[in-house]
Amino acid sequence: MQLLGLHKKSKQVINLSDVKKAAVVYRKNVRLSPIDFNPDYLNLILDLGKGTNMTLTLGNVDYQQLNSIMGLLQDKNIVVDDKQNILQLLRENKNLFNHFHKKGWTSL
C-alpha cells in the first residue's frame, strides 16, 4: 500500500535541542549488477546522544539547500562534521558520484 501511495507515511519530529552533533556523509552503493542504477547515499546523520543516531536521506540536495541546513544547525550551536568536504564539492559544482567513484576513494 505504501509503494502505491495509498498509505500514510509516518513522520517523526526531532527537536534541535536534542541534537548533539551532525555529520554529512556520502556513501557508495555497492553494485552487484551492471544494471544496478540505484543512486549512492547522501545522508545527514544526527547524534541525539546516549548512542542514538537518526539518519536523514538528503537525496539530490543542492549546495544552497545543504548550506542552509548546515547554517541552521550551526546557529543552534550543533557541531557539524563534513570530513569528506561535501559542502566544498557542491560549492564547486562537482558531481559527487564522479568524485567518490574515482580511484583512491573508499566508502565510509
PDB file of N, CA and C in Angstrom:
ATOM      1  N   MET A   1       0.818  -1.185   0.000  1.00  0.00           N
ATOM      2  CA  MET A   1       0.000   0.000   0.000  1.00  0.00           C
ATOM      3  C   MET A   1       0.869   1.259   0.000  1.00  0.00           C
ATOM      4  N   GLN A   2       1.959   1.246   0.777  1.00  0.00           N
ATOM      5  CA  GLN A   2       2.831   2.409   0.839  1.00  0.00           C
ATOM      6  C   GLN A   2       3.496   2.670  -0.505  1.00  0.00           C
ATOM      7  N   LEU A   3       3.895   1.621  -1.210  1.00  0.00           N
ATOM      8  CA  LEU A   3       4.542   1.786  -2.510  1.00  0.00           C
ATOM      9  C   LEU A   3       3.616   2.451  -3.517  1.00  0.00           C
ATOM     10  N   LEU A   4       2.333   2.193  -3.404  1.00  0.00           N
ATOM     11  CA  LEU A   4       1.367   2.799  -4.313  1.00  0.00           C
ATOM     12  C   LEU A   4       0.903   4.176  -3.841  1.00  0.00           C
ATOM     13  N   GLY A   5       1.377   4.592  -2.681  1.00  0.00           N
ATOM     14  CA  GLY A   5       0.997   5.898  -2.155  1.00  0.00           C
ATOM     15  C   GLY A   5      -0.386   5.918  -1.525  1.00  0.00           C
ATOM     16  N   LEU A   6      -0.906   4.761  -1.174  1.00  0.00           N
ATOM     17  CA  LEU A   6      -2.242   4.672  -0.608  1.00  0.00           C
ATOM     18  C   LEU A   6      -2.235   4.622   0.914  1.00  0.00           C
ATOM     19  N   HIS A   7      -1.071   4.617   1.504  1.00  0.00           N
ATOM     20  CA  HIS A   7      -0.939   4.509   2.950  1.00  0.00           C
ATOM     21  C   HIS A   7      -0.135   5.710   3.446  1.00  0.00           C
ATOM     22  N   LYS A   8      -0.562   6.293   4.546  1.00  0.00           N
ATOM     23  CA  LYS A   8       0.159   7.433   5.093  1.00  0.00           C
ATOM     24  C   LYS A   8       1.559   7.039   5.523  1.00  0.00           C
ATOM     25  N   LYS A   9       2.508   7.880   5.190  1.00  0.00           N
ATOM     26  CA  LYS A   9       3.875   7.663   5.643  1.00  0.00           C
ATOM     27  C   LYS A   9       4.010   8.255   7.041  1.00  0.00           C
ATOM     28  N   SER A  10       4.800   7.606   7.872  1.00  0.00           N
ATOM     29  CA  SER A  10       4.957   8.099   9.235  1.00  0.00           C
ATOM     30  C   SER A  10       5.911   9.286   9.262  1.00  0.00           C
ATOM     31  N   LYS A  11       5.716  10.156  10.232  1.00  0.00           N
ATOM     32  CA  LYS A  11       6.573  11.322  10.430  1.00  0.00           C
ATOM     33  C   LYS A  11       7.141  11.268  11.836  1.00  0.00           C
ATOM     34  N   GLN A  12       8.338  11.783  11.965  1.00  0.00           N
ATOM     35  CA  GLN A  12       8.939  11.879  13.282  1.00  0.00           C
ATOM     36  C   GLN A  12       9.498  13.279  13.437  1.00  0.00           C
ATOM     37  N   VAL A  13       9.221  13.908  14.549  1.00  0.00           N
ATOM     38  CA  VAL A  13       9.696  15.253  14.820  1.00  0.00           C
ATOM     39  C   VAL A  13      10.936  15.156  15.701  1.00  0.00           C
ATOM     40  N   ILE A  14      11.983  15.865  15.290  1.00  0.00           N
ATOM     41  CA  ILE A  14      13.230  15.890  16.052  1.00  0.00           C
ATOM     42  C   ILE A  14      13.438  17.320  16.542  1.00  0.00           C
ATOM     43  N   ASN A  15      13.542  17.491  17.840  1.00  0.00           N
ATOM     44  CA  ASN A  15      13.828  18.809  18.400  1.00  0.00           C
ATOM     45  C   ASN A  15      15.318  19.104  18.238  1.00  0.00           C
ATOM     46  N   LEU A  16      15.630  20.267  17.708  1.00  0.00           N
ATOM     47  CA  LEU A  16      17.038  20.631  17.522  1.00  0.00           C
ATOM     48  C   LEU A  16      17.790  20.664  18.849  1.00  0.00           C
ATOM     49  N   SER A  17      17.086  20.918  19.933  1.00  0.00           N
ATOM     50  CA  SER A  17      17.741  20.937  21.244  1.00  0.00           C
ATOM     51  C   SER A  17      18.234  19.550  21.649  1.00  0.00           C
ATOM     52  N   ASP A  18      17.707  18.485  20.999  1.00  0.00           N
ATOM     53  CA  ASP A  18      18.133  17.116  21.292  1.00  0.00           C
ATOM     54  C   ASP A  18      19.367  16.697  20.498  1.00  0.00           C
ATOM     55  N   VAL A  19      19.702  17.458  19.458  1.00  0.00           N
ATOM     56  CA  VAL A  19      20.807  17.090  18.572  1.00  0.00           C
ATOM     57  C   VAL A  19      22.126  17.555  19.184  1.00  0.00           C
ATOM     58  N   LYS A  20      23.039  16.611  19.372  1.00  0.00           N
ATOM     59  CA  LYS A  20      24.357  16.914  19.950  1.00  0.00           C
ATOM     60  C   LYS A  20      25.385  17.238  18.861  1.00  0.00           C
ATOM     61  N   LYS A  21      25.394  16.432  17.798  1.00  0.00           N
ATOM     62  CA  LYS A  21      26.319  16.602  16.677  1.00  0.00           C
ATOM     63  C   LYS A  21      25.588  16.213  15.399  1.00  0.00           C
ATOM     64  N   ALA A  22      26.157  16.658  14.278  1.00  0.00           N
ATOM     65  CA  ALA A  22      25.603  16.276  12.977  1.00  0.00           C
ATOM     66  C   ALA A  22      26.768  16.007  12.030  1.00  0.00           C
ATOM     67  N   ALA A  23      26.550  15.125  11.071  1.00  0.00           N
ATOM     68  CA  ALA A  23      27.572  14.812  10.071  1.00  0.00           C
ATOM     69  C   ALA A  23      26.900  14.604   8.727  1.00  0.00           C
ATOM     70  N   VAL A  24      27.502  15.168   7.685  1.00  0.00           N
ATOM     71  CA  VAL A  24      27.028  14.916   6.332  1.00  0.00           C
ATOM     72  C   VAL A  24      27.979  13.880   5.738  1.00  0.00           C
ATOM     73  N   VAL A  25      27.399  12.795   5.192  1.00  0.00           N
ATOM     74  CA  VAL A  25      28.203  11.652   4.760  1.00  0.00           C
ATOM     75  C   VAL A  25      27.711  11.152   3.402  1.00  0.00           C
ATOM     76  N   TYR A  26      28.656  10.914   2.501  1.00  0.00           N
ATOM     77  CA  TYR A  26      28.367  10.311   1.199  1.00  0.00           C
ATOM     78  C   TYR A  26      28.820   8.860   1.263  1.00  0.00           C
ATOM     79  N   ARG A  27      27.928   7.949   0.907  1.00  0.00           N
ATOM     80  CA  ARG A  27      28.273   6.524   0.903  1.00  0.00           C
ATOM     81  C   ARG A  27      27.955   5.932  -0.456  1.00  0.00           C
ATOM     82  N   LYS A  28      28.904   5.146  -0.936  1.00  0.00           N
ATOM     83  CA  LYS A  28      28.710   4.471  -2.219  1.00  0.00           C
ATOM     84  C   LYS A  28      27.719   3.326  -2.065  1.00  0.00           C
ATOM     85  N   ASN A  29      26.899   3.148  -3.079  1.00  0.00           N
ATOM     86  CA  ASN A  29      26.012   1.999  -3.154  1.00  0.00           C
ATOM     87  C   ASN A  29      26.820   0.837  -3.737  1.00  0.00           C
ATOM     88  N   VAL A  30      26.846  -0.279  -3.038  1.00  0.00           N
ATOM     89  CA  VAL A  30      27.559  -1.453  -3.536  1.00  0.00           C
ATOM     90  C   VAL A  30      26.720  -2.051  -4.652  1.00  0.00           C
ATOM     91  N   ARG A  31      27.253  -2.036  -5.859  1.00  0.00           N
ATOM     92  CA  ARG A  31      26.520  -2.520  -7.016  1.00  0.00           C
ATOM     93  C   ARG A  31      26.961  -3.941  -7.351  1.00  0.00           C
ATOM     94  N   LEU A  32      26.008  -4.839  -7.292  1.00  0.00           N
ATOM     95  CA  LEU A  32      26.299  -6.244  -7.554  1.00  0.00           C
ATOM     96  C   LEU A  32      25.978  -6.630  -8.986  1.00  0.00           C
ATOM     97  N   SER A  33      25.403  -5.699  -9.727  1.00  0.00           N
ATOM     98  CA  SER A  33      24.997  -5.981 -11.090  1.00  0.00           C
ATOM     99  C   SER A  33      25.315  -4.773 -11.971  1.00  0.00           C
ATOM    100  N   PRO A  34      25.684  -5.005 -13.228  1.00  0.00           N
ATOM    101  CA  PRO A  34      25.969  -3.867 -14.116  1.00  0.00           C
ATOM    102  C   PRO A  34      24.713  -3.074 -14.471  1.00  0.00           C
ATOM    103  N   ILE A  35      23.545  -3.606 -14.167  1.00  0.00           N
ATOM    104  CA  ILE A  35      22.320  -2.868 -14.452  1.00  0.00           C
ATOM    105  C   ILE A  35      21.696  -2.273 -13.187  1.00  0.00           C
ATOM    106  N   ASP A  36      22.464  -2.176 -12.119  1.00  0.00           N
ATOM    107  CA  ASP A  36      22.004  -1.561 -10.877  1.00  0.00           C
ATOM    108  C   ASP A  36      22.202  -0.050 -11.003  1.00  0.00           C
ATOM    109  N   PHE A  37      21.109   0.674 -11.180  1.00  0.00           N
ATOM    110  CA  PHE A  37      21.174   2.124 -11.353  1.00  0.00           C
ATOM    111  C   PHE A  37      20.716   2.874 -10.112  1.00  0.00           C
ATOM    112  N   ASN A  38      20.637   2.182  -8.988  1.00  0.00           N
ATOM    113  CA  ASN A  38      20.255   2.844  -7.746  1.00  0.00           C
ATOM    114  C   ASN A  38      21.330   3.855  -7.358  1.00  0.00           C
ATOM    115  N   PRO A  39      20.911   4.995  -6.832  1.00  0.00           N
ATOM    116  CA  PRO A  39      21.892   6.041  -6.502  1.00  0.00           C
ATOM    117  C   PRO A  39      22.708   5.707  -5.256  1.00  0.00           C
ATOM    118  N   ASP A  40      23.795   6.449  -5.095  1.00  0.00           N
ATOM    119  CA  ASP A  40      24.563   6.383  -3.859  1.00  0.00           C
ATOM    120  C   ASP A  40      23.776   7.126  -2.778  1.00  0.00           C
ATOM    121  N   TYR A  41      24.337   7.191  -1.576  1.00  0.00           N
ATOM    122  CA  TYR A  41      23.615   7.760  -0.450  1.00  0.00           C
ATOM    123  C   TYR A  41      24.283   9.042   0.028  1.00  0.00           C
ATOM    124  N   LEU A  42      23.503  10.099   0.140  1.00  0.00           N
ATOM    125  CA  LEU A  42      23.947  11.334   0.770  1.00  0.00           C
ATOM    126  C   LEU A  42      23.063  11.505   1.998  1.00  0.00           C
ATOM    127  N   ASN A  43      23.668  11.406   3.171  1.00  0.00           N
ATOM    128  CA  ASN A  43      22.901  11.388   4.417  1.00  0.00           C
ATOM    129  C   ASN A  43      23.353  12.476   5.374  1.00  0.00           C
ATOM    130  N   LEU A  44      22.425  12.907   6.188  1.00  0.00           N
ATOM    131  CA  LEU A  44      22.714  13.755   7.327  1.00  0.00           C
ATOM    132  C   LEU A  44      22.472  12.886   8.545  1.00  0.00           C
ATOM    133  N   ILE A  45      23.512  12.651   9.318  1.00  0.00           N
ATOM    134  CA  ILE A  45      23.406  11.797  10.495  1.00  0.00           C
ATOM    135  C   ILE A  45      23.391  12.691  11.725  1.00  0.00           C
ATOM    136  N   LEU A  46      22.314  12.606  12.488  1.00  0.00           N
ATOM    137  CA  LEU A  46      22.153  13.416  13.688  1.00  0.00           C
ATOM    138  C   LEU A  46      22.420  12.549  14.908  1.00  0.00           C
ATOM    139  N   ASP A  47      23.338  12.991  15.749  1.00  0.00           N
ATOM    140  CA  ASP A  47      23.645  12.305  17.002  1.00  0.00           C
ATOM    141  C   ASP A  47      22.748  12.904  18.081  1.00  0.00           C
ATOM    142  N   LEU A  48      21.831  12.095  18.601  1.00  0.00           N
ATOM    143  CA  LEU A  48      20.890  12.558  19.610  1.00  0.00           C
ATOM    144  C   LEU A  48      21.347  12.240  21.026  1.00  0.00           C
ATOM    145  N   GLY A  49      22.584  11.771  21.155  1.00  0.00           N
ATOM    146  CA  GLY A  49      23.131  11.443  22.463  1.00  0.00           C
ATOM    147  C   GLY A  49      22.721  10.059  22.916  1.00  0.00           C
ATOM    148  N   LYS A  50      23.396   9.561  23.925  1.00  0.00           N
ATOM    149  CA  LYS A  50      23.122   8.246  24.514  1.00  0.00           C
ATOM    150  C   LYS A  50      23.131   7.126  23.476  1.00  0.00           C
ATOM    151  N   GLY A  51      23.992   7.263  22.458  1.00  0.00           N
ATOM    152  CA  GLY A  51      24.131   6.227  21.447  1.00  0.00           C
ATOM    153  C   GLY A  51      23.022   6.191  20.408  1.00  0.00           C
ATOM    154  N   THR A  52      22.180   7.210  20.377  1.00  0.00           N
ATOM    155  CA  THR A  52      21.066   7.254  19.428  1.00  0.00           C
ATOM    156  C   THR A  52      21.408   8.154  18.255  1.00  0.00           C
ATOM    157  N   ASN A  53      21.332   7.601  17.046  1.00  0.00           N
ATOM    158  CA  ASN A  53      21.558   8.366  15.822  1.00  0.00           C
ATOM    159  C   ASN A  53      20.316   8.322  14.958  1.00  0.00           C
ATOM    160  N   MET A  54      20.082   9.391  14.225  1.00  0.00           N
ATOM    161  CA  MET A  54      18.983   9.473  13.267  1.00  0.00           C
ATOM    162  C   MET A  54      19.611   9.807  11.914  1.00  0.00           C
ATOM    163  N   THR A  55      19.329   8.984  10.899  1.00  0.00           N
ATOM    164  CA  THR A  55      19.877   9.212   9.567  1.00  0.00           C
ATOM    165  C   THR A  55      18.784   9.767   8.664  1.00  0.00           C
ATOM    166  N   LEU A  56      19.044  10.936   8.095  1.00  0.00           N
ATOM    167  CA  LEU A  56      18.117  11.581   7.174  1.00  0.00           C
ATOM    168  C   LEU A  56      18.712  11.534   5.778  1.00  0.00           C
ATOM    169  N   THR A  57      17.944  11.068   4.820  1.00  0.00           N
ATOM    170  CA  THR A  57      18.410  10.989   3.440  1.00  0.00           C
ATOM    171  C   THR A  57      18.267  12.363   2.796  1.00  0.00           C
ATOM    172  N   LEU A  58      19.361  12.843   2.193  1.00  0.00           N
ATOM    173  CA  LEU A  58      19.344  14.155   1.557  1.00  0.00           C
ATOM    174  C   LEU A  58      19.040  14.088   0.065  1.00  0.00           C
ATOM    175  N   GLY A  59      19.159  12.912  -0.527  1.00  0.00           N
ATOM    176  CA  GLY A  59      18.831  12.765  -1.949  1.00  0.00           C
ATOM    177  C   GLY A  59      19.674  13.663  -2.839  1.00  0.00           C
ATOM    178  N   ASN A  60      19.030  14.411  -3.706  1.00  0.00           N
ATOM    179  CA  ASN A  60      19.728  15.281  -4.648  1.00  0.00           C
ATOM    180  C   ASN A  60      19.737  16.734  -4.180  1.00  0.00           C
ATOM    181  N   VAL A  61      20.038  16.946  -2.917  1.00  0.00           N
ATOM    182  CA  VAL A  61      20.076  18.302  -2.379  1.00  0.00           C
ATOM    183  C   VAL A  61      21.180  19.095  -3.077  1.00  0.00           C
ATOM    184  N   ASP A  62      20.934  20.373  -3.318  1.00  0.00           N
ATOM    185  CA  ASP A  62      21.973  21.194  -3.940  1.00  0.00           C
ATOM    186  C   ASP A  62      22.764  21.940  -2.863  1.00  0.00           C
ATOM    187  N   TYR A  63      23.787  22.669  -3.294  1.00  0.00           N
ATOM    188  CA  TYR A  63      24.685  23.331  -2.347  1.00  0.00           C
ATOM    189  C   TYR A  63      23.942  24.325  -1.458  1.00  0.00           C
ATOM    190  N   GLN A  64      23.071  25.146  -2.054  1.00  0.00           N
ATOM    191  CA  GLN A  64      22.383  26.169  -1.269  1.00  0.00           C
ATOM    192  C   GLN A  64      21.505  25.543  -0.190  1.00  0.00           C
ATOM    193  N   GLN A  65      20.808  24.474  -0.534  1.00  0.00           N
ATOM    194  CA  GLN A  65      19.955  23.813   0.450  1.00  0.00           C
ATOM    195  C   GLN A  65      20.780  23.199   1.574  1.00  0.00           C
ATOM    196  N   LEU A  66      21.845  22.489   1.221  1.00  0.00           N
ATOM    197  CA  LEU A  66      22.684  21.859   2.235  1.00  0.00           C
ATOM    198  C   LEU A  66      23.390  22.912   3.087  1.00  0.00           C
ATOM    199  N   ASN A  67      23.834  23.983   2.467  1.00  0.00           N
ATOM    200  CA  ASN A  67      24.487  25.068   3.195  1.00  0.00           C
ATOM    201  C   ASN A  67      23.512  25.705   4.193  1.00  0.00           C
ATOM    202  N   SER A  68      22.257  25.848   3.792  1.00  0.00           N
ATOM    203  CA  SER A  68      21.229  26.396   4.695  1.00  0.00           C
ATOM    204  C   SER A  68      20.986  25.466   5.882  1.00  0.00           C
ATOM    205  N   ILE A  69      20.929  24.164   5.610  1.00  0.00           N
ATOM    206  CA  ILE A  69      20.733  23.181   6.681  1.00  0.00           C
ATOM    207  C   ILE A  69      21.902  23.241   7.663  1.00  0.00           C
ATOM    208  N   MET A  70      23.125  23.260   7.133  1.00  0.00           N
ATOM    209  CA  MET A  70      24.311  23.300   7.990  1.00  0.00           C
ATOM    210  C   MET A  70      24.350  24.604   8.793  1.00  0.00           C
ATOM    211  N   GLY A  71      23.974  25.717   8.157  1.00  0.00           N
ATOM    212  CA  GLY A  71      23.935  27.004   8.853  1.00  0.00           C
ATOM    213  C   GLY A  71      22.931  27.006   9.989  1.00  0.00           C
ATOM    214  N   LEU A  72      21.761  26.424   9.757  1.00  0.00           N
ATOM    215  CA  LEU A  72      20.739  26.330  10.799  1.00  0.00           C
ATOM    216  C   LEU A  72      21.252  25.527  11.989  1.00  0.00           C
ATOM    217  N   LEU A  73      21.891  24.393  11.708  1.00  0.00           N
ATOM    218  CA  LEU A  73      22.433  23.565  12.793  1.00  0.00           C
ATOM    219  C   LEU A  73      23.525  24.308  13.557  1.00  0.00           C
ATOM    220  N   GLN A  74      24.411  24.981  12.845  1.00  0.00           N
ATOM    221  CA  GLN A  74      25.499  25.717  13.494  1.00  0.00           C
ATOM    222  C   GLN A  74      24.959  26.884  14.320  1.00  0.00           C
ATOM    223  N   ASP A  75      23.889  27.534  13.843  1.00  0.00           N
ATOM    224  CA  ASP A  75      23.260  28.617  14.599  1.00  0.00           C
ATOM    225  C   ASP A  75      22.704  28.125  15.928  1.00  0.00           C
ATOM    226  N   LYS A  76      22.366  26.840  15.982  1.00  0.00           N
ATOM    227  CA  LYS A  76      21.853  26.228  17.219  1.00  0.00           C
ATOM    228  C   LYS A  76      22.995  25.609  18.036  1.00  0.00           C
ATOM    229  N   ASN A  77      24.245  25.982  17.700  1.00  0.00           N
ATOM    230  CA  ASN A  77      25.445  25.502  18.394  1.00  0.00           C
ATOM    231  C   ASN A  77      25.624  23.994  18.309  1.00  0.00           C
ATOM    232  N   ILE A  78      25.225  23.422  17.171  1.00  0.00           N
ATOM    233  CA  ILE A  78      25.419  21.999  16.924  1.00  0.00           C
ATOM    234  C   ILE A  78      26.680  21.845  16.079  1.00  0.00           C
ATOM    235  N   VAL A  79      27.599  21.000  16.534  1.00  0.00           N
ATOM    236  CA  VAL A  79      28.843  20.752  15.807  1.00  0.00           C
ATOM    237  C   VAL A  79      28.514  19.961  14.551  1.00  0.00           C
ATOM    238  N   VAL A  80      28.952  20.467  13.388  1.00  0.00           N
ATOM    239  CA  VAL A  80      28.684  19.815  12.111  1.00  0.00           C
ATOM    240  C   VAL A  80      29.993  19.283  11.544  1.00  0.00           C
ATOM    241  N   ASP A  81      29.993  17.993  11.204  1.00  0.00           N
ATOM    242  CA  ASP A  81      31.181  17.320  10.681  1.00  0.00           C
ATOM    243  C   ASP A  81      31.004  17.069   9.182  1.00  0.00           C
ATOM    244  N   ASP A  82      32.002  17.475   8.399  1.00  0.00           N
ATOM    245  CA  ASP A  82      31.998  17.264   6.953  1.00  0.00           C
ATOM    246  C   ASP A  82      33.389  16.785   6.539  1.00  0.00           C
ATOM    247  N   LYS A  83      33.762  15.575   7.002  1.00  0.00           N
ATOM    248  CA  LYS A  83      35.102  15.033   6.741  1.00  0.00           C
ATOM    249  C   LYS A  83      35.390  14.834   5.266  1.00  0.00           C
ATOM    250  N   GLN A  84      34.350  14.634   4.458  1.00  0.00           N
ATOM    251  CA  GLN A  84      34.544  14.368   3.036  1.00  0.00           C
ATOM    252  C   GLN A  84      34.509  15.646   2.189  1.00  0.00           C
ATOM    253  N   ASN A  85      34.374  16.793   2.835  1.00  0.00           N
ATOM    254  CA  ASN A  85      34.329  18.093   2.148  1.00  0.00           C
ATOM    255  C   ASN A  85      33.205  18.163   1.119  1.00  0.00           C
ATOM    256  N   ILE A  86      32.068  17.635   1.456  1.00  0.00           N
ATOM    257  CA  ILE A  86      30.929  17.604   0.547  1.00  0.00           C
ATOM    258  C   ILE A  86      30.439  19.013   0.239  1.00  0.00           C
ATOM    259  N   LEU A  87      30.386  19.882   1.249  1.00  0.00           N
ATOM    260  CA  LEU A  87      29.951  21.259   1.003  1.00  0.00           C
ATOM    261  C   LEU A  87      30.851  21.949  -0.015  1.00  0.00           C
ATOM    262  N   GLN A  88      32.147  21.766   0.115  1.00  0.00           N
ATOM    263  CA  GLN A  88      33.094  22.375  -0.824  1.00  0.00           C
ATOM    264  C   GLN A  88      32.889  21.822  -2.232  1.00  0.00           C
ATOM    265  N   LEU A  89      32.709  20.522  -2.350  1.00  0.00           N
ATOM    266  CA  LEU A  89      32.493  19.905  -3.664  1.00  0.00           C
ATOM    267  C   LEU A  89      31.222  20.443  -4.319  1.00  0.00           C
ATOM    268  N   LEU A  90      30.153  20.569  -3.547  1.00  0.00           N
ATOM    269  CA  LEU A  90      28.909  21.103  -4.091  1.00  0.00           C
ATOM    270  C   LEU A  90      29.052  22.582  -4.449  1.00  0.00           C
ATOM    271  N   ARG A  91      29.792  23.324  -3.619  1.00  0.00           N
ATOM    272  CA  ARG A  91      30.043  24.747  -3.900  1.00  0.00           C
ATOM    273  C   ARG A  91      30.744  24.903  -5.245  1.00  0.00           C
ATOM    274  N   GLU A  92      31.628  23.949  -5.564  1.00  0.00           N
ATOM    275  CA  GLU A  92      32.379  23.984  -6.825  1.00  0.00           C
ATOM    276  C   GLU A  92      31.620  23.301  -7.971  1.00  0.00           C
ATOM    277  N   ASN A  93      30.358  22.949  -7.731  1.00  0.00           N
ATOM    278  CA  ASN A  93      29.515  22.267  -8.731  1.00  0.00           C
ATOM    279  C   ASN A  93      30.112  20.952  -9.211  1.00  0.00           C
ATOM    280  N   LYS A  94      30.816  20.253  -8.318  1.00  0.00           N
ATOM    281  CA  LYS A  94      31.377  18.943  -8.649  1.00  0.00           C
ATOM    282  C   LYS A  94      30.295  17.880  -8.527  1.00  0.00           C
ATOM    283  N   ASN A  95      30.361  16.894  -9.371  1.00  0.00           N
ATOM    284  CA  ASN A  95      29.453  15.761  -9.320  1.00  0.00           C
ATOM    285  C   ASN A  95      29.955  14.810  -8.244  1.00  0.00           C
ATOM    286  N   LEU A  96      29.146  14.593  -7.204  1.00  0.00           N
ATOM    287  CA  LEU A  96      29.579  13.747  -6.083  1.00  0.00           C
ATOM    288  C   LEU A  96      29.826  12.312  -6.519  1.00  0.00           C
ATOM    289  N   PHE A  97      28.986  11.799  -7.398  1.00  0.00           N
ATOM    290  CA  PHE A  97      29.167  10.426  -7.873  1.00  0.00           C
ATOM    291  C   PHE A  97      30.525  10.278  -8.556  1.00  0.00           C
ATOM    292  N   ASN A  98      30.835  11.169  -9.481  1.00  0.00           N
ATOM    293  CA  ASN A  98      32.121  11.091 -10.191  1.00  0.00           C
ATOM    294  C   ASN A  98      33.297  11.247  -9.234  1.00  0.00           C
ATOM    295  N   HIS A  99      33.168  12.154  -8.304  1.00  0.00           N
ATOM    296  CA  HIS A  99      34.263  12.401  -7.361  1.00  0.00           C
ATOM    297  C   HIS A  99      34.550  11.177  -6.488  1.00  0.00           C
ATOM    298  N   PHE A 100      33.518  10.587  -5.925  1.00  0.00           N
ATOM    299  CA  PHE A 100      33.723   9.495  -4.980  1.00  0.00           C
ATOM    300  C   PHE A 100      33.928   8.134  -5.643  1.00  0.00           C
ATOM    301  N   HIS A 101      33.741   8.058  -6.944  1.00  0.00           N
ATOM    302  CA  HIS A 101      33.996   6.797  -7.631  1.00  0.00           C
ATOM    303  C   HIS A 101      35.342   6.806  -8.360  1.00  0.00           C
ATOM    304  N   LYS A 102      36.128   7.851  -8.146  1.00  0.00           N
ATOM    305  CA  LYS A 102      37.493   7.847  -8.676  1.00  0.00           C
ATOM    306  C   LYS A 102      38.332   6.894  -7.846  1.00  0.00           C
ATOM    307  N   LYS A 103      39.428   6.465  -8.412  1.00  0.00           N
ATOM    308  CA  LYS A 103      40.351   5.611  -7.657  1.00  0.00           C
ATOM    309  C   LYS A 103      40.807   6.362  -6.412  1.00  0.00           C
ATOM    310  N   GLY A 104      41.018   5.618  -5.353  1.00  0.00           N
ATOM    311  CA  GLY A 104      41.547   6.210  -4.130  1.00  0.00           C
ATOM    312  C   GLY A 104      40.486   6.505  -3.091  1.00  0.00           C
ATOM    313  N   TRP A 105      39.228   6.603  -3.492  1.00  0.00           N
ATOM    314  CA  TRP A 105      38.175   6.862  -2.518  1.00  0.00           C
ATOM    315  C   TRP A 105      37.512   5.551  -2.136  1.00  0.00           C
ATOM    316  N   THR A 106      37.327   5.385  -0.861  1.00  0.00           N
ATOM    317  CA  THR A 106      36.584   4.215  -0.383  1.00  0.00           C
ATOM    318  C   THR A 106      35.331   4.725   0.314  1.00  0.00           C
ATOM    319  N   SER A 107      34.348   3.897   0.403  1.00  0.00           N
ATOM    320  CA  SER A 107      33.122   4.264   1.061  1.00  0.00           C
ATOM    321  C   SER A 107      33.332   4.297   2.566  1.00  0.00           C
ATOM    322  N   LEU A 108      32.670   5.213   3.224  1.00  0.00           N
ATOM    323  CA  LEU A 108      32.763   5.288   4.681  1.00  0.00           C
ATOM    324  C   LEU A 108      31.872   4.254   5.318  1.00  0.00           C
TER     325      LEU A 108
END
